Amino acid sequence: MLKGLGDLGKIMKMQKEMKAIQKRLKQMQLEGESPGGEVKAVVNGEYELVDLKIEPDFLQNHEHRKIEKMVLAAVNKAVENIKDKSATEMSSLTGGMDLSSLMK
């Protein structure tokens, strides 16, 4: 009758570890940059843009549409880096099982 309690303990331990990983990820910040490195964006673990840097020479020597594209590229790369790091962290806990649908 009490055979399943061992599994319950494992589940509770995994839940505690998952919360610790989520807390670490929220505090994490990763950078992404445009292909040429002219624009750099920093995104935190909650997918919020926290910093954006644009090379002054790039601002002066390019039209606004190119600058906009480089900003988008840098932000998207930073978000991709955070997603990859989150997936890696969670994968280490779950043994490779994809639990991303449970995290939404």
PDB file of N, CA and C in Angstrom:
ATOM      1  N   MET A   1       0.808  -1.200   0.000  1.00  0.00           N
ATOM      2  CA  MET A   1       0.000   0.000   0.000  1.00  0.00           C
ATOM      3  C   MET A   1       0.857   1.273   0.000  1.00  0.00           C
ATOM      4  N   LEU A   2       2.031   1.252   0.612  1.00  0.00           N
ATOM      5  CA  LEU A   2       2.887   2.426   0.679  1.00  0.00           C
ATOM      6  C   LEU A   2       4.054   2.358  -0.295  1.00  0.00           C
ATOM      7  N   LYS A   3       3.978   1.464  -1.266  1.00  0.00           N
ATOM      8  CA  LYS A   3       5.085   1.317  -2.223  1.00  0.00           C
ATOM      9  C   LYS A   3       5.350   2.600  -2.998  1.00  0.00           C
ATOM     10  N   GLY A   4       4.325   3.344  -3.335  1.00  0.00           N
ATOM     11  CA  GLY A   4       4.457   4.525  -4.175  1.00  0.00           C
ATOM     12  C   GLY A   4       5.089   5.722  -3.493  1.00  0.00           C
ATOM     13  N   LEU A   5       5.308   5.668  -2.192  1.00  0.00           N
ATOM     14  CA  LEU A   5       5.855   6.821  -1.490  1.00  0.00           C
ATOM     15  C   LEU A   5       7.286   7.138  -1.900  1.00  0.00           C
ATOM     16  N   GLY A   6       8.041   6.132  -2.313  1.00  0.00           N
ATOM     17  CA  GLY A   6       9.398   6.383  -2.811  1.00  0.00           C
ATOM     18  C   GLY A   6       9.366   7.265  -4.045  1.00  0.00           C
ATOM     19  N   ASP A   7       8.430   6.978  -4.942  1.00  0.00           N
ATOM     20  CA  ASP A   7       8.273   7.806  -6.140  1.00  0.00           C
ATOM     21  C   ASP A   7       7.811   9.210  -5.786  1.00  0.00           C
ATOM     22  N   LEU A   8       6.965   9.324  -4.793  1.00  0.00           N
ATOM     23  CA  LEU A   8       6.494  10.636  -4.355  1.00  0.00           C
ATOM     24  C   LEU A   8       7.670  11.479  -3.841  1.00  0.00           C
ATOM     25  N   GLY A   9       8.561  10.835  -3.109  1.00  0.00           N
ATOM     26  CA  GLY A   9       9.748  11.532  -2.619  1.00  0.00           C
ATOM     27  C   GLY A   9      10.620  12.034  -3.751  1.00  0.00           C
ATOM     28  N   LYS A  10      10.771  11.212  -4.790  1.00  0.00           N
ATOM     29  CA  LYS A  10      11.562  11.630  -5.955  1.00  0.00           C
ATOM     30  C   LYS A  10      10.913  12.814  -6.651  1.00  0.00           C
ATOM     31  N   ILE A  11       9.595  12.750  -6.761  1.00  0.00           N
ATOM     32  CA  ILE A  11       8.865  13.836  -7.423  1.00  0.00           C
ATOM     33  C   ILE A  11       9.009  15.129  -6.633  1.00  0.00           C
ATOM     34  N   MET A  12       8.898  15.046  -5.328  1.00  0.00           N
ATOM     35  CA  MET A  12       9.031  16.242  -4.492  1.00  0.00           C
ATOM     36  C   MET A  12      10.444  16.817  -4.579  1.00  0.00           C
ATOM     37  N   LYS A  13      11.446  15.943  -4.611  1.00  0.00           N
ATOM     38  CA  LYS A  13      12.828  16.398  -4.741  1.00  0.00           C
ATOM     39  C   LYS A  13      13.035  17.085  -6.093  1.00  0.00           C
ATOM     40  N   MET A  14      12.475  16.491  -7.152  1.00  0.00           N
ATOM     41  CA  MET A  14      12.606  17.071  -8.489  1.00  0.00           C
ATOM     42  C   MET A  14      11.909  18.431  -8.542  1.00  0.00           C
ATOM     43  N   GLN A  15      10.760  18.534  -7.898  1.00  0.00           N
ATOM     44  CA  GLN A  15      10.032  19.803  -7.876  1.00  0.00           C
ATOM     45  C   GLN A  15      10.858  20.884  -7.176  1.00  0.00           C
ATOM     46  N   LYS A  16      11.494  20.530  -6.074  1.00  0.00           N
ATOM     47  CA  LYS A  16      12.335  21.478  -5.340  1.00  0.00           C
ATOM     48  C   LYS A  16      13.523  21.920  -6.199  1.00  0.00           C
ATOM     49  N   GLU A  17      14.153  20.964  -6.870  1.00  0.00           N
ATOM     50  CA  GLU A  17      15.287  21.283  -7.747  1.00  0.00           C
ATOM     51  C   GLU A  17      14.844  22.155  -8.912  1.00  0.00           C
ATOM     52  N   MET A  18      13.642  21.894  -9.442  1.00  0.00           N
ATOM     53  CA  MET A  18      13.126  22.674 -10.566  1.00  0.00           C
ATOM     54  C   MET A  18      12.901  24.124 -10.138  1.00  0.00           C
ATOM     55  N   LYS A  19      12.376  24.314  -8.937  1.00  0.00           N
ATOM     56  CA  LYS A  19      12.172  25.679  -8.448  1.00  0.00           C
ATOM     57  C   LYS A  19      13.506  26.407  -8.283  1.00  0.00           C
ATOM     58  N   ALA A  20      14.520  25.694  -7.821  1.00  0.00           N
ATOM     59  CA  ALA A  20      15.845  26.304  -7.671  1.00  0.00           C
ATOM     60  C   ALA A  20      16.411  26.701  -9.034  1.00  0.00           C
ATOM     61  N   ILE A  21      16.229  25.850 -10.026  1.00  0.00           N
ATOM     62  CA  ILE A  21      16.698  26.168 -11.383  1.00  0.00           C
ATOM     63  C   ILE A  21      15.950  27.381 -11.919  1.00  0.00           C
ATOM     64  N   GLN A  22      14.628  27.410 -11.729  1.00  0.00           N
ATOM     65  CA  GLN A  22      13.844  28.540 -12.204  1.00  0.00           C
ATOM     66  C   GLN A  22      14.304  29.845 -11.554  1.00  0.00           C
ATOM     67  N   LYS A  23      14.615  29.795 -10.272  1.00  0.00           N
ATOM     68  CA  LYS A  23      15.088  30.988  -9.569  1.00  0.00           C
ATOM     69  C   LYS A  23      16.417  31.459 -10.155  1.00  0.00           C
ATOM     70  N   ARG A  24      17.339  30.503 -10.404  1.00  0.00           N
ATOM     71  CA  ARG A  24      18.631  30.859 -11.012  1.00  0.00           C
ATOM     72  C   ARG A  24      18.433  31.459 -12.394  1.00  0.00           C
ATOM     73  N   LEU A  25      17.539  30.861 -13.170  1.00  0.00           N
ATOM     74  CA  LEU A  25      17.312  31.346 -14.533  1.00  0.00           C
ATOM     75  C   LEU A  25      16.730  32.765 -14.532  1.00  0.00           C
ATOM     76  N   LYS A  26      15.848  33.066 -13.595  1.00  0.00           N
ATOM     77  CA  LYS A  26      15.274  34.411 -13.521  1.00  0.00           C
ATOM     78  C   LYS A  26      16.345  35.460 -13.265  1.00  0.00           C
ATOM     79  N   GLN A  27      17.365  35.094 -12.511  1.00  0.00           N
ATOM     80  CA  GLN A  27      18.432  36.037 -12.169  1.00  0.00           C
ATOM     81  C   GLN A  27      19.507  36.125 -13.262  1.00  0.00           C
ATOM     82  N   MET A  28      19.481  35.208 -14.183  1.00  0.00           N
ATOM     83  CA  MET A  28      20.507  35.138 -15.220  1.00  0.00           C
ATOM     84  C   MET A  28      20.295  36.224 -16.274  1.00  0.00           C
ATOM     85  N   GLN A  29      21.387  36.688 -16.846  1.00  0.00           N
ATOM     86  CA  GLN A  29      21.347  37.617 -17.967  1.00  0.00           C
ATOM     87  C   GLN A  29      22.312  37.123 -19.034  1.00  0.00           C
ATOM     88  N   LEU A  30      21.837  37.071 -20.264  1.00  0.00           N
ATOM     89  CA  LEU A  30      22.695  36.651 -21.371  1.00  0.00           C
ATOM     90  C   LEU A  30      22.623  37.675 -22.486  1.00  0.00           C
ATOM     91  N   GLU A  31      23.731  37.779 -23.197  1.00  0.00           N
ATOM     92  CA  GLU A  31      23.871  38.761 -24.265  1.00  0.00           C
ATOM     93  C   GLU A  31      23.709  38.107 -25.627  1.00  0.00           C
ATOM     94  N   GLY A  32      23.214  38.891 -26.534  1.00  0.00           N
ATOM     95  CA  GLY A  32      23.179  38.516 -27.942  1.00  0.00           C
ATOM     96  C   GLY A  32      23.680  39.701 -28.729  1.00  0.00           C
ATOM     97  N   GLU A  33      24.229  39.437 -29.898  1.00  0.00           N
ATOM     98  CA  GLU A  33      24.706  40.564 -30.704  1.00  0.00           C
ATOM     99  C   GLU A  33      24.336  40.374 -32.152  1.00  0.00           C
ATOM    100  N   SER A  34      24.311  41.475 -32.864  1.00  0.00           N
ATOM    101  CA  SER A  34      24.032  41.441 -34.292  1.00  0.00           C
ATOM    102  C   SER A  34      25.191  40.731 -34.993  1.00  0.00           C
ATOM    103  N   PRO A  35      24.964  40.267 -36.222  1.00  0.00           N
ATOM    104  CA  PRO A  35      26.020  39.519 -36.921  1.00  0.00           C
ATOM    105  C   PRO A  35      27.377  40.211 -36.961  1.00  0.00           C
ATOM    106  N   GLY A  36      27.414  41.511 -37.082  1.00  0.00           N
ATOM    107  CA  GLY A  36      28.693  42.220 -37.132  1.00  0.00           C
ATOM    108  C   GLY A  36      29.158  42.727 -35.775  1.00  0.00           C
ATOM    109  N   GLY A  37      28.346  42.517 -34.749  1.00  0.00           N
ATOM    110  CA  GLY A  37      28.691  42.958 -33.407  1.00  0.00           C
ATOM    111  C   GLY A  37      28.446  44.430 -33.129  1.00  0.00           C
ATOM    112  N   GLU A  38      27.763  45.123 -34.049  1.00  0.00           N
ATOM    113  CA  GLU A  38      27.533  46.555 -33.869  1.00  0.00           C
ATOM    114  C   GLU A  38      26.514  46.840 -32.774  1.00  0.00           C
ATOM    115  N   VAL A  39      25.608  45.879 -32.568  1.00  0.00           N
ATOM    116  CA  VAL A  39      24.537  46.042 -31.586  1.00  0.00           C
ATOM    117  C   VAL A  39      24.592  44.870 -30.620  1.00  0.00           C
ATOM    118  N   LYS A  40      24.479  45.176 -29.323  1.00  0.00           N
ATOM    119  CA  LYS A  40      24.484  44.136 -28.294  1.00  0.00           C
ATOM    120  C   LYS A  40      23.270  44.329 -27.404  1.00  0.00           C
ATOM    121  N   ALA A  41      22.578  43.220 -27.129  1.00  0.00           N
ATOM    122  CA  ALA A  41      21.386  43.257 -26.285  1.00  0.00           C
ATOM    123  C   ALA A  41      21.568  42.259 -25.151  1.00  0.00           C
ATOM    124  N   VAL A  42      21.044  42.608 -23.989  1.00  0.00           N
ATOM    125  CA  VAL A  42      21.081  41.715 -22.827  1.00  0.00           C
ATOM    126  C   VAL A  42      19.642  41.456 -22.406  1.00  0.00           C
ATOM    127  N   VAL A  43      19.322  40.163 -22.248  1.00  0.00           N
ATOM    128  CA  VAL A  43      17.990  39.732 -21.850  1.00  0.00           C
ATOM    129  C   VAL A  43      18.127  38.928 -20.569  1.00  0.00           C
ATOM    130  N   ASN A  44      17.173  39.112 -19.644  1.00  0.00           N
ATOM    131  CA  ASN A  44      17.223  38.332 -18.413  1.00  0.00           C
ATOM    132  C   ASN A  44      16.417  37.040 -18.561  1.00  0.00           C
ATOM    133  N   GLY A  45      16.404  36.247 -17.510  1.00  0.00           N
ATOM    134  CA  GLY A  45      15.728  34.947 -17.546  1.00  0.00           C
ATOM    135  C   GLY A  45      14.224  35.011 -17.664  1.00  0.00           C
ATOM    136  N   GLU A  46      13.671  36.201 -17.544  1.00  0.00           N
ATOM    137  CA  GLU A  46      12.239  36.387 -17.743  1.00  0.00           C
ATOM    138  C   GLU A  46      11.952  36.981 -19.121  1.00  0.00           C
ATOM    139  N   TYR A  47      12.943  36.912 -20.002  1.00  0.00           N
ATOM    140  CA  TYR A  47      12.845  37.377 -21.388  1.00  0.00           C
ATOM    141  C   TYR A  47      12.583  38.878 -21.490  1.00  0.00           C
ATOM    142  N   GLU A  48      13.111  39.636 -20.531  1.00  0.00           N
ATOM    143  CA  GLU A  48      13.004  41.085 -20.576  1.00  0.00           C
ATOM    144  C   GLU A  48      14.321  41.669 -21.068  1.00  0.00           C
ATOM    145  N   LEU A  49      14.220  42.630 -21.956  1.00  0.00           N
ATOM    146  CA  LEU A  49      15.405  43.337 -22.435  1.00  0.00           C
ATOM    147  C   LEU A  49      15.879  44.249 -21.309  1.00  0.00           C
ATOM    148  N   VAL A  50      17.120  44.053 -20.858  1.00  0.00           N
ATOM    149  CA  VAL A  50      17.629  44.852 -19.737  1.00  0.00           C
ATOM    150  C   VAL A  50      18.748  45.806 -20.143  1.00  0.00           C
ATOM    151  N   ASP A  51      19.329  45.605 -21.315  1.00  0.00           N
ATOM    152  CA  ASP A  51      20.377  46.515 -21.772  1.00  0.00           C
ATOM    153  C   ASP A  51      20.487  46.427 -23.291  1.00  0.00           C
ATOM    154  N   LEU A  52      20.826  47.541 -23.888  1.00  0.00           N
ATOM    155  CA  LEU A  52      21.002  47.613 -25.335  1.00  0.00           C
ATOM    156  C   LEU A  52      22.116  48.604 -25.626  1.00  0.00           C
ATOM    157  N   LYS A  53      23.105  48.159 -26.395  1.00  0.00           N
ATOM    158  CA  LYS A  53      24.221  49.033 -26.753  1.00  0.00           C
ATOM    159  C   LYS A  53      24.376  49.035 -28.274  1.00  0.00           C
ATOM    160  N   ILE A  54      24.581  50.217 -28.820  1.00  0.00           N
ATOM    161  CA  ILE A  54      24.789  50.370 -30.261  1.00  0.00           C
ATOM    162  C   ILE A  54      26.068  51.173 -30.449  1.00  0.00           C
ATOM    163  N   GLU A  55      26.966  50.651 -31.273  1.00  0.00           N
ATOM    164  CA  GLU A  55      28.229  51.338 -31.557  1.00  0.00           C
ATOM    165  C   GLU A  55      27.924  52.731 -32.134  1.00  0.00           C
ATOM    166  N   PRO A  56      28.506  53.776 -31.572  1.00  0.00           N
ATOM    167  CA  PRO A  56      28.240  55.139 -32.058  1.00  0.00           C
ATOM    168  C   PRO A  56      28.544  55.321 -33.549  1.00  0.00           C
ATOM    169  N   ASP A  57      29.636  54.752 -34.036  1.00  0.00           N
ATOM    170  CA  ASP A  57      29.975  54.874 -35.459  1.00  0.00           C
ATOM    171  C   ASP A  57      28.901  54.235 -36.330  1.00  0.00           C
ATOM    172  N   PHE A  58      28.359  53.121 -35.867  1.00  0.00           N
ATOM    173  CA  PHE A  58      27.311  52.428 -36.619  1.00  0.00           C
ATOM    174  C   PHE A  58      26.063  53.302 -36.713  1.00  0.00           C
ATOM    175  N   LEU A  59      25.739  53.994 -35.627  1.00  0.00           N
ATOM    176  CA  LEU A  59      24.573  54.878 -35.621  1.00  0.00           C
ATOM    177  C   LEU A  59      24.737  56.016 -36.624  1.00  0.00           C
ATOM    178  N   GLN A  60      25.933  56.557 -36.709  1.00  0.00           N
ATOM    179  CA  GLN A  60      26.176  57.715 -37.569  1.00  0.00           C
ATOM    180  C   GLN A  60      26.278  57.345 -39.045  1.00  0.00           C
ATOM    181  N   ASN A  61      26.699  56.125 -39.342  1.00  0.00           N
ATOM    182  CA  ASN A  61      27.013  55.770 -40.723  1.00  0.00           C
ATOM    183  C   ASN A  61      25.999  54.866 -41.414  1.00  0.00           C
ATOM    184  N   HIS A  62      24.863  54.598 -40.774  1.00  0.00           N
ATOM    185  CA  HIS A  62      23.885  53.702 -41.399  1.00  0.00           C
ATOM    186  C   HIS A  62      22.478  54.281 -41.300  1.00  0.00           C
ATOM    187  N   GLU A  63      21.662  53.890 -42.256  1.00  0.00           N
ATOM    188  CA  GLU A  63      20.277  54.355 -42.243  1.00  0.00           C
ATOM    189  C   GLU A  63      19.497  53.648 -41.143  1.00  0.00           C
ATOM    190  N   HIS A  64      18.405  54.259 -40.732  1.00  0.00           N
ATOM    191  CA  HIS A  64      17.665  53.761 -39.577  1.00  0.00           C
ATOM    192  C   HIS A  64      17.128  52.346 -39.771  1.00  0.00           C
ATOM    193  N   ARG A  65      16.756  51.982 -40.994  1.00  0.00           N
ATOM    194  CA  ARG A  65      16.202  50.632 -41.220  1.00  0.00           C
ATOM    195  C   ARG A  65      17.256  49.553 -40.950  1.00  0.00           C
ATOM    196  N   LYS A  66      18.504  49.779 -41.342  1.00  0.00           N
ATOM    197  CA  LYS A  66      19.565  48.809 -41.066  1.00  0.00           C
ATOM    198  C   LYS A  66      19.813  48.714 -39.560  1.00  0.00           C
ATOM    199  N   ILE A  67      19.775  49.847 -38.883  1.00  0.00           N
ATOM    200  CA  ILE A  67      19.968  49.851 -37.429  1.00  0.00           C
ATOM    201  C   ILE A  67      18.848  49.056 -36.757  1.00  0.00           C
ATOM    202  N   GLU A  68      17.626  49.274 -37.196  1.00  0.00           N
ATOM    203  CA  GLU A  68      16.488  48.529 -36.642  1.00  0.00           C
ATOM    204  C   GLU A  68      16.659  47.029 -36.825  1.00  0.00           C
ATOM    205  N   LYS A  69      17.114  46.624 -37.996  1.00  0.00           N
ATOM    206  CA  LYS A  69      17.325  45.194 -38.258  1.00  0.00           C
ATOM    207  C   LYS A  69      18.412  44.616 -37.353  1.00  0.00           C
ATOM    208  N   MET A  70      19.468  45.381 -37.116  1.00  0.00           N
ATOM    209  CA  MET A  70      20.548  44.907 -36.248  1.00  0.00           C
ATOM    210  C   MET A  70      20.085  44.810 -34.790  1.00  0.00           C
ATOM    211  N   VAL A  71      19.249  45.760 -34.369  1.00  0.00           N
ATOM    212  CA  VAL A  71      18.694  45.696 -33.010  1.00  0.00           C
ATOM    213  C   VAL A  71      17.831  44.443 -32.868  1.00  0.00           C
ATOM    214  N   LEU A  72      16.984  44.201 -33.834  1.00  0.00           N
ATOM    215  CA  LEU A  72      16.142  42.993 -33.799  1.00  0.00           C
ATOM    216  C   LEU A  72      16.995  41.724 -33.750  1.00  0.00           C
ATOM    217  N   ALA A  73      18.028  41.692 -34.554  1.00  0.00           N
ATOM    218  CA  ALA A  73      18.900  40.509 -34.579  1.00  0.00           C
ATOM    219  C   ALA A  73      19.562  40.281 -33.228  1.00  0.00           C
ATOM    220  N   ALA A  74      20.036  41.357 -32.609  1.00  0.00           N
ATOM    221  CA  ALA A  74      20.711  41.236 -31.314  1.00  0.00           C
ATOM    222  C   ALA A  74      19.748  40.790 -30.221  1.00  0.00           C
ATOM    223  N   VAL A  75      18.566  41.374 -30.187  1.00  0.00           N
ATOM    224  CA  VAL A  75      17.575  41.002 -29.169  1.00  0.00           C
ATOM    225  C   VAL A  75      17.135  39.558 -29.367  1.00  0.00           C
ATOM    226  N   ASN A  76      16.863  39.190 -30.600  1.00  0.00           N
ATOM    227  CA  ASN A  76      16.440  37.812 -30.869  1.00  0.00           C
ATOM    228  C   ASN A  76      17.526  36.807 -30.496  1.00  0.00           C
ATOM    229  N   LYS A  77      18.766  37.144 -30.719  1.00  0.00           N
ATOM    230  CA  LYS A  77      19.869  36.257 -30.346  1.00  0.00           C
ATOM    231  C   LYS A  77      19.968  36.127 -28.832  1.00  0.00           C
ATOM    232  N   ALA A  78      19.795  37.223 -28.117  1.00  0.00           N
ATOM    233  CA  ALA A  78      19.834  37.175 -26.654  1.00  0.00           C
ATOM    234  C   ALA A  78      18.703  36.300 -26.112  1.00  0.00           C
ATOM    235  N   VAL A  79      17.514  36.432 -26.674  1.00  0.00           N
ATOM    236  CA  VAL A  79      16.376  35.599 -26.256  1.00  0.00           C
ATOM    237  C   VAL A  79      16.660  34.131 -26.562  1.00  0.00           C
ATOM    238  N   GLU A  80      17.202  33.865 -27.726  1.00  0.00           N
ATOM    239  CA  GLU A  80      17.569  32.494 -28.101  1.00  0.00           C
ATOM    240  C   GLU A  80      18.591  31.915 -27.114  1.00  0.00           C
ATOM    241  N   ASN A  81      19.568  32.726 -26.714  1.00  0.00           N
ATOM    242  CA  ASN A  81      20.583  32.269 -25.760  1.00  0.00           C
ATOM    243  C   ASN A  81      19.959  31.913 -24.413  1.00  0.00           C
ATOM    244  N   ILE A  82      19.018  32.736 -23.948  1.00  0.00           N
ATOM    245  CA  ILE A  82      18.337  32.446 -22.673  1.00  0.00           C
ATOM    246  C   ILE A  82      17.503  31.177 -22.804  1.00  0.00           C
ATOM    247  N   LYS A  83      16.794  31.021 -23.913  1.00  0.00           N
ATOM    248  CA  LYS A  83      15.986  29.806 -24.114  1.00  0.00           C
ATOM    249  C   LYS A  83      16.864  28.565 -24.121  1.00  0.00           C
ATOM    250  N   ASP A  84      17.986  28.638 -24.816  1.00  0.00           N
ATOM    251  CA  ASP A  84      18.904  27.496 -24.865  1.00  0.00           C
ATOM    252  C   ASP A  84      19.445  27.157 -23.486  1.00  0.00           C
ATOM    253  N   LYS A  85      19.821  28.183 -22.724  1.00  0.00           N
ATOM    254  CA  LYS A  85      20.349  27.961 -21.376  1.00  0.00           C
ATOM    255  C   LYS A  85      19.280  27.354 -20.477  1.00  0.00           C
ATOM    256  N   SER A  86      18.050  27.851 -20.592  1.00  0.00           N
ATOM    257  CA  SER A  86      16.935  27.303 -19.808  1.00  0.00           C
ATOM    258  C   SER A  86      16.703  25.844 -20.144  1.00  0.00           C
ATOM    259  N   ALA A  87      16.715  25.525 -21.428  1.00  0.00           N
ATOM    260  CA  ALA A  87      16.498  24.146 -21.856  1.00  0.00           C
ATOM    261  C   ALA A  87      17.608  23.234 -21.342  1.00  0.00           C
ATOM    262  N   THR A  88      18.832  23.713 -21.385  1.00  0.00           N
ATOM    263  CA  THR A  88      19.971  22.923 -20.897  1.00  0.00           C
ATOM    264  C   THR A  88      19.837  22.667 -19.399  1.00  0.00           C
ATOM    265  N   GLU A  89      19.500  23.712 -18.642  1.00  0.00           N
ATOM    266  CA  GLU A  89      19.348  23.571 -17.193  1.00  0.00           C
ATOM    267  C   GLU A  89      18.233  22.581 -16.856  1.00  0.00           C
ATOM    268  N   MET A  90      17.108  22.704 -17.521  1.00  0.00           N
ATOM    269  CA  MET A  90      15.980  21.828 -17.233  1.00  0.00           C
ATOM    270  C   MET A  90      16.270  20.394 -17.685  1.00  0.00           C
ATOM    271  N   SER A  91      16.966  20.255 -18.782  1.00  0.00           N
ATOM    272  CA  SER A  91      17.310  18.931 -19.289  1.00  0.00           C
ATOM    273  C   SER A  91      18.192  18.183 -18.307  1.00  0.00           C
ATOM    274  N   SER A  92      19.069  18.906 -17.629  1.00  0.00           N
ATOM    275  CA  SER A  92      19.938  18.247 -16.654  1.00  0.00           C
ATOM    276  C   SER A  92      19.126  17.692 -15.494  1.00  0.00           C
ATOM    277  N   LEU A  93      18.013  18.317 -15.187  1.00  0.00           N
ATOM    278  CA  LEU A  93      17.146  17.857 -14.103  1.00  0.00           C
ATOM    279  C   LEU A  93      16.247  16.714 -14.543  1.00  0.00           C
ATOM    280  N   THR A  94      15.726  16.811 -15.748  1.00  0.00           N
ATOM    281  CA  THR A  94      14.714  15.850 -16.201  1.00  0.00           C
ATOM    282  C   THR A  94      15.291  14.681 -16.986  1.00  0.00           C
ATOM    283  N   GLY A  95      16.588  14.652 -17.131  1.00  0.00           N
ATOM    284  CA  GLY A  95      17.187  13.555 -17.884  1.00  0.00           C
ATOM    285  C   GLY A  95      16.865  13.600 -19.362  1.00  0.00           C
ATOM    286  N   GLY A  96      16.637  14.815 -19.878  1.00  0.00           N
ATOM    287  CA  GLY A  96      16.385  14.977 -21.303  1.00  0.00           C
ATOM    288  C   GLY A  96      14.926  15.004 -21.678  1.00  0.00           C
ATOM    289  N   MET A  97      14.012  14.753 -20.739  1.00  0.00           N
ATOM    290  CA  MET A  97      12.587  14.831 -21.054  1.00  0.00           C
ATOM    291  C   MET A  97      12.202  16.287 -21.288  1.00  0.00           C
ATOM    292  N   ASP A  98      11.366  16.538 -22.283  1.00  0.00           N
ATOM    293  CA  ASP A  98      10.927  17.902 -22.579  1.00  0.00           C
ATOM    294  C   ASP A  98       9.685  18.206 -21.737  1.00  0.00           C
ATOM    295  N   LEU A  99       9.882  19.042 -20.728  1.00  0.00           N
ATOM    296  CA  LEU A  99       8.768  19.435 -19.875  1.00  0.00           C
ATOM    297  C   LEU A  99       8.399  20.901 -20.093  1.00  0.00           C
ATOM    298  N   SER A 100       8.816  21.461 -21.205  1.00  0.00           N
ATOM    299  CA  SER A 100       8.603  22.892 -21.441  1.00  0.00           C
ATOM    300  C   SER A 100       7.115  23.261 -21.427  1.00  0.00           C
ATOM    301  N   SER A 101       6.253  22.339 -21.853  1.00  0.00           N
ATOM    302  CA  SER A 101       4.820  22.653 -21.865  1.00  0.00           C
ATOM    303  C   SER A 101       4.269  22.789 -20.458  1.00  0.00           C
ATOM    304  N   LEU A 102       4.941  22.218 -19.484  1.00  0.00           N
ATOM    305  CA  LEU A 102       4.495  22.336 -18.096  1.00  0.00           C
ATOM    306  C   LEU A 102       4.937  23.640 -17.460  1.00  0.00           C
ATOM    307  N   MET A 103       5.879  24.329 -18.090  1.00  0.00           N
ATOM    308  CA  MET A 103       6.472  25.534 -17.522  1.00  0.00           C
ATOM    309  C   MET A 103       5.718  26.813 -17.926  1.00  0.00           C
ATOM    310  N   LYS A 104       4.733  26.704 -18.798  1.00  0.00           N
ATOM    311  CA  LYS A 104       4.031  27.894 -19.312  1.00  0.00           C
ATOM    312  C   LYS A 104       3.003  28.394 -18.341  1.00  0.00           C
TER     313      LYS A 104
END
